[in-house]
Amino acid sequence: MKVIVVDDHQLVLKGFTGILTHGGCHIVGSYTDPRKALTAILELKPDVVLTDLDMPHLNGQELITEVRAKIPEQKFVLLTMHLNQQLIKKMMRLKVSADLSKNAHPEELMEAVSA
């Protein structure tokens, strides 16, 4: 499974890519700058994009919206520290494949990406 990982924190990015690689995923890109990730997603067309919600320059919602305008079927797993009712409704409108708290266990991450 080809995966692109997007998070504006380098340490978090490395942690997610390590977990996914160990779980058998092929990381085709990892980005701290969501604008660069956007270009890569459109070019590489990964199976799944794992993205943070809160990022500077282009947040997760904006990233998903821009990609979906060109690749409607793209699958996303959204990560955040702030799960609340308003955010859950927003994610449902974005039709993300899964949403996870950054406090989730690594196995939950693998399950979300695999599903």
Protein backbone atom coordinates (compact mmCIF):
# COMPACT_ATOMS: atom_id res chain seq x y z
CA MET A 1 0.00 0.00 0.00
CA LYS A 2 1.42 3.39 -1.05
CA VAL A 3 1.07 6.08 1.63
CA ILE A 4 1.91 9.77 1.89
CA VAL A 5 2.24 11.21 5.40
CA VAL A 6 1.73 14.92 6.15
CA ASP A 7 2.39 16.54 9.53
CA ASP A 8 4.05 19.87 10.27
CA HIS A 9 6.07 18.41 13.18
CA GLN A 10 9.20 16.55 12.05
CA LEU A 11 9.35 14.22 15.06
CA VAL A 12 5.68 13.24 14.72
CA LEU A 13 6.16 12.72 10.97
CA LYS A 14 9.11 10.38 11.56
CA GLY A 15 7.12 8.45 14.17
CA PHE A 16 4.15 7.89 11.85
CA THR A 17 6.34 6.89 8.91
CA GLY A 18 8.24 4.46 11.13
CA ILE A 19 5.07 2.81 12.40
CA LEU A 20 3.62 2.50 8.89
CA THR A 21 6.86 1.19 7.37
CA HIS A 22 7.18 -1.38 10.15
CA GLY A 23 3.57 -2.37 9.43
CA GLY A 24 4.34 -3.07 5.77
CA CYS A 25 3.25 0.17 4.10
CA HIS A 26 5.34 1.74 1.36
CA ILE A 27 5.87 5.40 2.23
CA VAL A 28 6.09 7.25 -1.10
CA GLY A 29 6.44 10.64 0.57
CA SER A 30 6.49 12.39 3.93
CA TYR A 31 6.04 16.14 4.20
CA THR A 32 6.10 18.83 6.86
CA ASP A 33 4.86 21.37 4.30
CA PRO A 34 1.30 20.56 3.18
CA ARG A 35 1.75 22.63 0.01
CA LYS A 36 4.55 20.31 -1.12
CA ALA A 37 2.43 17.34 -0.08
CA LEU A 38 -0.41 18.58 -2.29
CA THR A 39 1.85 18.52 -5.35
CA ALA A 40 3.13 15.04 -4.48
CA ILE A 41 -0.36 13.63 -3.86
CA LEU A 42 -1.57 14.84 -7.24
CA GLU A 43 1.50 13.40 -8.94
CA LEU A 44 1.98 10.11 -7.07
CA LYS A 45 -1.69 9.25 -6.38
CA PRO A 46 -1.05 7.19 -3.23
CA ASP A 47 -3.54 4.66 -1.91
CA VAL A 48 -3.89 6.64 1.33
CA VAL A 49 -2.89 10.06 2.62
CA LEU A 50 -2.35 10.28 6.37
CA THR A 51 -2.61 13.96 7.30
CA ASP A 52 -2.67 16.18 10.33
CA LEU A 53 -5.57 18.60 10.63
CA ASP A 54 -3.89 21.64 12.17
CA MET A 55 -1.02 22.83 9.95
CA PRO A 56 0.19 26.25 8.79
CA HIS A 57 -0.19 27.48 5.20
CA LEU A 58 -2.69 24.77 4.22
CA ASN A 59 -4.60 22.89 6.92
CA GLY A 60 -5.81 19.31 6.61
CA GLN A 61 -9.32 20.32 5.60
CA GLU A 62 -7.99 22.58 2.84
CA LEU A 63 -5.58 19.90 1.67
CA ILE A 64 -8.37 17.32 1.44
CA THR A 65 -10.67 19.77 -0.37
CA GLU A 66 -8.01 20.68 -2.94
CA VAL A 67 -7.07 17.06 -3.62
CA ARG A 68 -10.71 15.96 -3.85
CA ALA A 69 -11.35 18.60 -6.52
CA LYS A 70 -8.90 16.71 -8.76
CA ILE A 71 -8.96 13.15 -7.34
CA PRO A 72 -12.43 12.62 -5.83
CA GLU A 73 -11.73 9.01 -4.85
CA GLN A 74 -8.54 9.76 -2.86
CA LYS A 75 -8.60 8.13 0.60
CA PHE A 76 -7.57 10.12 3.66
CA VAL A 77 -6.91 9.27 7.28
CA LEU A 78 -7.09 12.43 9.37
CA LEU A 79 -5.10 12.84 12.58
CA THR A 80 -5.78 15.42 15.23
CA MET A 81 -5.38 16.18 18.90
CA HIS A 82 -8.83 17.82 19.00
CA LEU A 83 -11.73 15.43 18.47
CA ASN A 84 -15.04 17.13 19.22
CA GLN A 85 -18.58 17.05 17.80
CA GLN A 86 -18.05 20.01 15.46
CA LEU A 87 -14.86 18.47 14.09
CA ILE A 88 -16.49 15.07 13.65
CA LYS A 89 -19.28 16.67 11.59
CA LYS A 90 -16.68 18.48 9.47
CA MET A 91 -14.81 15.21 8.86
CA MET A 92 -18.02 13.50 7.84
CA ARG A 93 -18.62 16.22 5.24
CA LEU A 94 -15.06 15.71 3.98
CA LYS A 95 -15.74 11.96 3.76
CA VAL A 96 -12.42 10.95 5.30
CA SER A 97 -11.84 7.21 5.45
CA ALA A 98 -10.91 7.41 9.13
CA ASP A 99 -10.09 9.88 11.83
CA LEU A 100 -7.75 9.21 14.72
CA SER A 101 -6.61 11.00 17.79
CA LYS A 102 -2.85 11.40 17.96
CA ASN A 103 -3.17 9.55 21.26
CA ALA A 104 -4.24 6.38 19.41
CA HIS A 105 -2.24 3.16 19.69
CA PRO A 106 0.03 2.25 16.73
CA GLU A 107 -2.19 -0.75 15.92
CA GLU A 108 -5.15 1.61 15.54
CA LEU A 109 -3.14 3.66 13.07
CA MET A 110 -2.33 0.55 11.02
CA GLU A 111 -5.97 -0.57 11.08
CA ALA A 112 -7.18 2.84 9.90
CA VAL A 113 -4.70 3.02 7.04
CA SER A 114 -5.34 -0.59 6.00
CA ALA A 115 -9.11 -0.16 6.01
